[in-house]
Amino acid sequence: MHDNNLGDSTMDERAVEHRVCYRCVVAGRVQGVFFRASTREQAMRLGLTGYARNLNDGRVEVLACGEAASVAQLRDWLRIGPARAEVSGVACEPLDYQGQPGFVID
């Protein structure tokens, strides 16, 4: 039975190791086209936490935290965005993992 507990502990540690956070800045026609709301929908569908907010220069900043594969899916989606968006570029940088309460629009 002790071996099972050790196995569970190892699984928990591996799960934490696979959690990541990325800060992405999306450029193009990304404000006024439901980009933040659509990003939130995608993030929640993928089980991610973080935020999406408009920047003063017309870009959108996204913080996405969660399982590495799910964050990668959201990063891929950011390159396309919702139907009315015209994404011209996405720059992402990894951050230390930080637990966020849900996914909010700022």
N, C-alpha and C. Protein backbone atom coordinates (compact mmCIF):
# COMPACT_ATOMS: atom_id res chain seq x y z
N MET A 1 0.82 -1.19 0.00
CA MET A 1 0.00 0.00 0.00
C MET A 1 0.86 1.25 0.00
N HIS A 2 1.97 1.19 0.70
CA HIS A 2 2.88 2.32 0.71
C HIS A 2 3.37 2.64 -0.70
N ASP A 3 3.61 1.59 -1.50
CA ASP A 3 4.06 1.79 -2.88
C ASP A 3 3.02 2.57 -3.68
N ASN A 4 1.72 2.30 -3.46
CA ASN A 4 0.67 3.03 -4.16
C ASN A 4 0.69 4.50 -3.79
N ASN A 5 0.90 4.80 -2.53
CA ASN A 5 0.97 6.20 -2.10
C ASN A 5 2.16 6.90 -2.75
N LEU A 6 3.28 6.19 -2.82
CA LEU A 6 4.45 6.76 -3.48
C LEU A 6 4.13 7.02 -4.95
N GLY A 7 3.46 6.09 -5.59
CA GLY A 7 3.08 6.27 -6.98
C GLY A 7 2.17 7.47 -7.15
N ASP A 8 1.20 7.65 -6.25
CA ASP A 8 0.30 8.80 -6.34
C ASP A 8 1.08 10.10 -6.16
N SER A 9 2.01 10.10 -5.21
CA SER A 9 2.82 11.30 -4.98
C SER A 9 3.63 11.65 -6.22
N THR A 10 4.22 10.64 -6.84
CA THR A 10 5.00 10.87 -8.05
C THR A 10 4.11 11.42 -9.16
N MET A 11 2.91 10.90 -9.28
CA MET A 11 1.97 11.39 -10.29
C MET A 11 1.63 12.86 -10.03
N ASP A 12 1.40 13.22 -8.77
CA ASP A 12 1.09 14.61 -8.43
C ASP A 12 2.24 15.53 -8.80
N GLU A 13 3.46 15.09 -8.50
CA GLU A 13 4.63 15.90 -8.82
C GLU A 13 4.77 16.09 -10.33
N ARG A 14 4.52 15.03 -11.09
CA ARG A 14 4.60 15.12 -12.54
C ARG A 14 3.54 16.06 -13.08
N ALA A 15 2.34 16.02 -12.50
CA ALA A 15 1.25 16.90 -12.95
C ALA A 15 1.64 18.36 -12.73
N VAL A 16 2.24 18.67 -11.60
CA VAL A 16 2.67 20.04 -11.33
C VAL A 16 3.76 20.46 -12.30
N GLU A 17 4.67 19.54 -12.62
CA GLU A 17 5.76 19.86 -13.55
C GLU A 17 5.24 20.21 -14.94
N HIS A 18 4.07 19.72 -15.31
CA HIS A 18 3.53 19.95 -16.64
C HIS A 18 2.65 21.19 -16.71
N ARG A 19 2.53 21.91 -15.62
CA ARG A 19 1.75 23.15 -15.62
C ARG A 19 2.68 24.30 -15.96
N VAL A 20 2.20 25.15 -16.84
CA VAL A 20 3.02 26.27 -17.30
C VAL A 20 2.17 27.54 -17.36
N CYS A 21 2.83 28.67 -17.46
CA CYS A 21 2.17 29.96 -17.71
C CYS A 21 2.90 30.64 -18.86
N TYR A 22 2.13 31.24 -19.74
CA TYR A 22 2.70 32.04 -20.82
C TYR A 22 1.98 33.38 -20.86
N ARG A 23 2.75 34.42 -21.08
CA ARG A 23 2.20 35.75 -21.34
C ARG A 23 2.37 35.99 -22.83
N CYS A 24 1.26 36.25 -23.50
CA CYS A 24 1.29 36.49 -24.94
C CYS A 24 0.72 37.87 -25.25
N VAL A 25 1.31 38.54 -26.20
CA VAL A 25 0.80 39.82 -26.67
C VAL A 25 0.43 39.62 -28.14
N VAL A 26 -0.84 39.93 -28.43
CA VAL A 26 -1.39 39.69 -29.76
C VAL A 26 -1.60 41.02 -30.47
N ALA A 27 -1.04 41.15 -31.67
CA ALA A 27 -1.13 42.39 -32.45
C ALA A 27 -2.03 42.18 -33.66
N GLY A 28 -2.53 43.29 -34.19
CA GLY A 28 -3.41 43.28 -35.35
C GLY A 28 -4.73 43.94 -35.00
N ARG A 29 -5.77 43.57 -35.73
CA ARG A 29 -7.10 44.08 -35.39
C ARG A 29 -7.69 43.11 -34.37
N VAL A 30 -7.40 43.40 -33.09
CA VAL A 30 -7.78 42.48 -32.02
C VAL A 30 -8.59 43.15 -30.92
N GLN A 31 -8.88 44.42 -31.07
CA GLN A 31 -9.76 45.09 -30.12
C GLN A 31 -11.06 45.46 -30.84
N GLY A 32 -12.17 45.30 -30.13
CA GLY A 32 -13.46 45.60 -30.72
C GLY A 32 -13.99 44.49 -31.61
N VAL A 33 -13.41 43.29 -31.52
CA VAL A 33 -13.84 42.16 -32.35
C VAL A 33 -14.10 40.92 -31.49
N PHE A 34 -14.40 41.13 -30.21
CA PHE A 34 -14.69 40.06 -29.25
C PHE A 34 -13.49 39.13 -29.02
N PHE A 35 -12.29 39.67 -29.19
CA PHE A 35 -11.09 38.85 -29.02
C PHE A 35 -10.95 38.36 -27.58
N ARG A 36 -11.12 39.28 -26.60
CA ARG A 36 -10.95 38.88 -25.20
C ARG A 36 -12.00 37.87 -24.77
N ALA A 37 -13.26 38.10 -25.14
CA ALA A 37 -14.34 37.18 -24.77
C ALA A 37 -14.13 35.81 -25.43
N SER A 38 -13.72 35.80 -26.68
CA SER A 38 -13.47 34.54 -27.37
C SER A 38 -12.27 33.82 -26.77
N THR A 39 -11.25 34.57 -26.36
CA THR A 39 -10.09 33.97 -25.71
C THR A 39 -10.51 33.33 -24.40
N ARG A 40 -11.35 34.02 -23.64
CA ARG A 40 -11.84 33.46 -22.37
C ARG A 40 -12.61 32.17 -22.62
N GLU A 41 -13.47 32.14 -23.62
CA GLU A 41 -14.21 30.92 -23.95
C GLU A 41 -13.26 29.76 -24.25
N GLN A 42 -12.26 30.03 -25.08
CA GLN A 42 -11.28 29.00 -25.43
C GLN A 42 -10.52 28.53 -24.20
N ALA A 43 -10.08 29.47 -23.38
CA ALA A 43 -9.30 29.13 -22.18
C ALA A 43 -10.13 28.29 -21.22
N MET A 44 -11.37 28.66 -21.01
CA MET A 44 -12.22 27.90 -20.09
C MET A 44 -12.49 26.50 -20.64
N ARG A 45 -12.69 26.39 -21.94
CA ARG A 45 -12.91 25.09 -22.57
C ARG A 45 -11.69 24.19 -22.35
N LEU A 46 -10.50 24.80 -22.34
CA LEU A 46 -9.25 24.05 -22.17
C LEU A 46 -8.84 23.88 -20.71
N GLY A 47 -9.62 24.45 -19.79
CA GLY A 47 -9.31 24.32 -18.36
C GLY A 47 -8.17 25.21 -17.90
N LEU A 48 -7.98 26.36 -18.56
CA LEU A 48 -6.87 27.26 -18.23
C LEU A 48 -7.34 28.39 -17.32
N THR A 49 -6.39 29.00 -16.65
CA THR A 49 -6.65 30.19 -15.86
C THR A 49 -5.80 31.33 -16.40
N GLY A 50 -6.11 32.56 -15.98
CA GLY A 50 -5.34 33.72 -16.40
C GLY A 50 -6.24 34.89 -16.72
N TYR A 51 -5.86 35.65 -17.75
CA TYR A 51 -6.65 36.82 -18.12
C TYR A 51 -6.39 37.21 -19.57
N ALA A 52 -7.27 38.06 -20.08
CA ALA A 52 -7.10 38.72 -21.38
C ALA A 52 -7.45 40.17 -21.17
N ARG A 53 -6.58 41.08 -21.60
CA ARG A 53 -6.87 42.51 -21.42
C ARG A 53 -6.33 43.32 -22.59
N ASN A 54 -7.04 44.41 -22.86
CA ASN A 54 -6.61 45.34 -23.90
C ASN A 54 -5.42 46.15 -23.41
N LEU A 55 -4.49 46.42 -24.30
CA LEU A 55 -3.38 47.32 -24.02
C LEU A 55 -3.67 48.66 -24.70
N ASN A 56 -3.08 49.71 -24.20
CA ASN A 56 -3.32 51.05 -24.74
C ASN A 56 -2.89 51.21 -26.19
N ASP A 57 -1.97 50.38 -26.65
CA ASP A 57 -1.47 50.51 -28.03
C ASP A 57 -2.28 49.69 -29.05
N GLY A 58 -3.42 49.13 -28.64
CA GLY A 58 -4.28 48.40 -29.56
C GLY A 58 -4.06 46.90 -29.57
N ARG A 59 -3.06 46.42 -28.85
CA ARG A 59 -2.81 44.98 -28.76
C ARG A 59 -3.61 44.39 -27.59
N VAL A 60 -3.63 43.06 -27.50
CA VAL A 60 -4.27 42.35 -26.39
C VAL A 60 -3.21 41.50 -25.70
N GLU A 61 -3.20 41.57 -24.38
CA GLU A 61 -2.29 40.77 -23.57
C GLU A 61 -3.08 39.60 -22.97
N VAL A 62 -2.49 38.40 -23.06
CA VAL A 62 -3.14 37.20 -22.54
C VAL A 62 -2.16 36.49 -21.61
N LEU A 63 -2.64 36.14 -20.42
CA LEU A 63 -1.88 35.27 -19.52
C LEU A 63 -2.64 33.96 -19.47
N ALA A 64 -1.97 32.87 -19.81
CA ALA A 64 -2.60 31.56 -19.82
C ALA A 64 -1.78 30.61 -18.97
N CYS A 65 -2.43 29.99 -17.98
CA CYS A 65 -1.75 29.07 -17.08
C CYS A 65 -2.54 27.77 -17.01
N GLY A 66 -1.81 26.66 -16.99
CA GLY A 66 -2.45 25.36 -16.89
C GLY A 66 -1.56 24.28 -17.46
N GLU A 67 -2.19 23.18 -17.86
CA GLU A 67 -1.46 22.06 -18.44
C GLU A 67 -0.76 22.52 -19.72
N ALA A 68 0.47 22.09 -19.90
CA ALA A 68 1.30 22.54 -21.02
C ALA A 68 0.61 22.34 -22.38
N ALA A 69 -0.01 21.18 -22.58
CA ALA A 69 -0.64 20.89 -23.87
C ALA A 69 -1.82 21.83 -24.12
N SER A 70 -2.58 22.14 -23.08
CA SER A 70 -3.73 23.04 -23.22
C SER A 70 -3.28 24.46 -23.49
N VAL A 71 -2.22 24.90 -22.82
CA VAL A 71 -1.68 26.25 -23.06
C VAL A 71 -1.18 26.33 -24.51
N ALA A 72 -0.55 25.27 -24.99
CA ALA A 72 -0.07 25.25 -26.37
C ALA A 72 -1.24 25.37 -27.36
N GLN A 73 -2.36 24.71 -27.05
CA GLN A 73 -3.54 24.81 -27.92
C GLN A 73 -4.07 26.24 -27.95
N LEU A 74 -4.11 26.90 -26.79
CA LEU A 74 -4.58 28.28 -26.76
C LEU A 74 -3.61 29.19 -27.53
N ARG A 75 -2.33 28.97 -27.37
CA ARG A 75 -1.34 29.78 -28.10
C ARG A 75 -1.53 29.63 -29.60
N ASP A 76 -1.81 28.43 -30.06
CA ASP A 76 -2.09 28.21 -31.49
C ASP A 76 -3.35 28.97 -31.91
N TRP A 77 -4.38 28.92 -31.07
CA TRP A 77 -5.64 29.61 -31.37
C TRP A 77 -5.43 31.13 -31.44
N LEU A 78 -4.57 31.67 -30.58
CA LEU A 78 -4.33 33.12 -30.57
C LEU A 78 -3.81 33.62 -31.91
N ARG A 79 -3.13 32.78 -32.66
CA ARG A 79 -2.59 33.18 -33.97
C ARG A 79 -3.70 33.39 -35.00
N ILE A 80 -4.90 32.86 -34.70
CA ILE A 80 -6.04 33.00 -35.60
C ILE A 80 -7.09 33.92 -34.99
N GLY A 81 -7.47 33.64 -33.74
CA GLY A 81 -8.47 34.44 -33.05
C GLY A 81 -9.87 34.21 -33.56
N PRO A 82 -10.81 35.03 -33.10
CA PRO A 82 -12.20 34.90 -33.55
C PRO A 82 -12.36 35.39 -34.99
N ALA A 83 -13.52 35.13 -35.55
CA ALA A 83 -13.78 35.39 -36.97
C ALA A 83 -13.46 36.82 -37.41
N ARG A 84 -13.80 37.83 -36.62
CA ARG A 84 -13.62 39.23 -37.05
C ARG A 84 -12.22 39.77 -36.80
N ALA A 85 -11.39 39.01 -36.12
CA ALA A 85 -10.02 39.46 -35.82
C ALA A 85 -9.12 39.28 -37.02
N GLU A 86 -8.08 40.13 -37.07
CA GLU A 86 -7.02 39.99 -38.06
C GLU A 86 -5.70 40.05 -37.30
N VAL A 87 -5.20 38.88 -36.93
CA VAL A 87 -3.99 38.78 -36.13
C VAL A 87 -2.77 38.94 -37.04
N SER A 88 -1.91 39.91 -36.68
CA SER A 88 -0.69 40.12 -37.47
C SER A 88 0.54 39.56 -36.77
N GLY A 89 0.42 39.25 -35.50
CA GLY A 89 1.56 38.68 -34.78
C GLY A 89 1.22 38.33 -33.35
N VAL A 90 1.91 37.31 -32.83
CA VAL A 90 1.75 36.88 -31.44
C VAL A 90 3.14 36.66 -30.87
N ALA A 91 3.44 37.33 -29.78
CA ALA A 91 4.72 37.14 -29.09
C ALA A 91 4.42 36.57 -27.71
N CYS A 92 4.99 35.40 -27.40
CA CYS A 92 4.74 34.74 -26.12
C CYS A 92 6.05 34.53 -25.37
N GLU A 93 5.95 34.62 -24.06
CA GLU A 93 7.10 34.34 -23.21
C GLU A 93 6.65 33.48 -22.03
N PRO A 94 7.46 32.49 -21.66
CA PRO A 94 7.10 31.66 -20.51
C PRO A 94 7.33 32.42 -19.21
N LEU A 95 6.47 32.16 -18.24
CA LEU A 95 6.60 32.73 -16.90
C LEU A 95 6.59 31.58 -15.90
N ASP A 96 7.04 31.84 -14.69
CA ASP A 96 6.92 30.84 -13.64
C ASP A 96 5.44 30.57 -13.43
N TYR A 97 5.11 29.30 -13.13
CA TYR A 97 3.71 28.94 -12.94
C TYR A 97 3.14 29.71 -11.76
N GLN A 98 1.95 30.24 -11.96
CA GLN A 98 1.24 30.94 -10.90
C GLN A 98 -0.23 30.57 -10.97
N GLY A 99 -0.74 30.06 -9.88
CA GLY A 99 -2.15 29.69 -9.84
C GLY A 99 -3.00 30.95 -9.93
N GLN A 100 -3.91 30.97 -10.86
CA GLN A 100 -4.81 32.12 -11.05
C GLN A 100 -6.23 31.66 -10.72
N PRO A 101 -7.05 32.57 -10.21
CA PRO A 101 -8.45 32.22 -9.93
C PRO A 101 -9.32 32.39 -11.17
N GLY A 102 -9.48 31.35 -11.96
CA GLY A 102 -10.32 31.42 -13.15
C GLY A 102 -9.63 32.15 -14.29
N PHE A 103 -10.43 32.51 -15.29
CA PHE A 103 -9.91 33.27 -16.43
C PHE A 103 -10.78 34.51 -16.57
N VAL A 104 -10.18 35.68 -16.40
CA VAL A 104 -10.95 36.93 -16.37
C VAL A 104 -10.60 37.82 -17.54
N ILE A 105 -11.54 38.70 -17.85
CA ILE A 105 -11.31 39.72 -18.85
C ILE A 105 -11.12 41.03 -18.11
N ASP A 106 -9.98 41.65 -18.28
CA ASP A 106 -9.68 42.96 -17.64
C ASP A 106 -9.98 44.07 -18.60
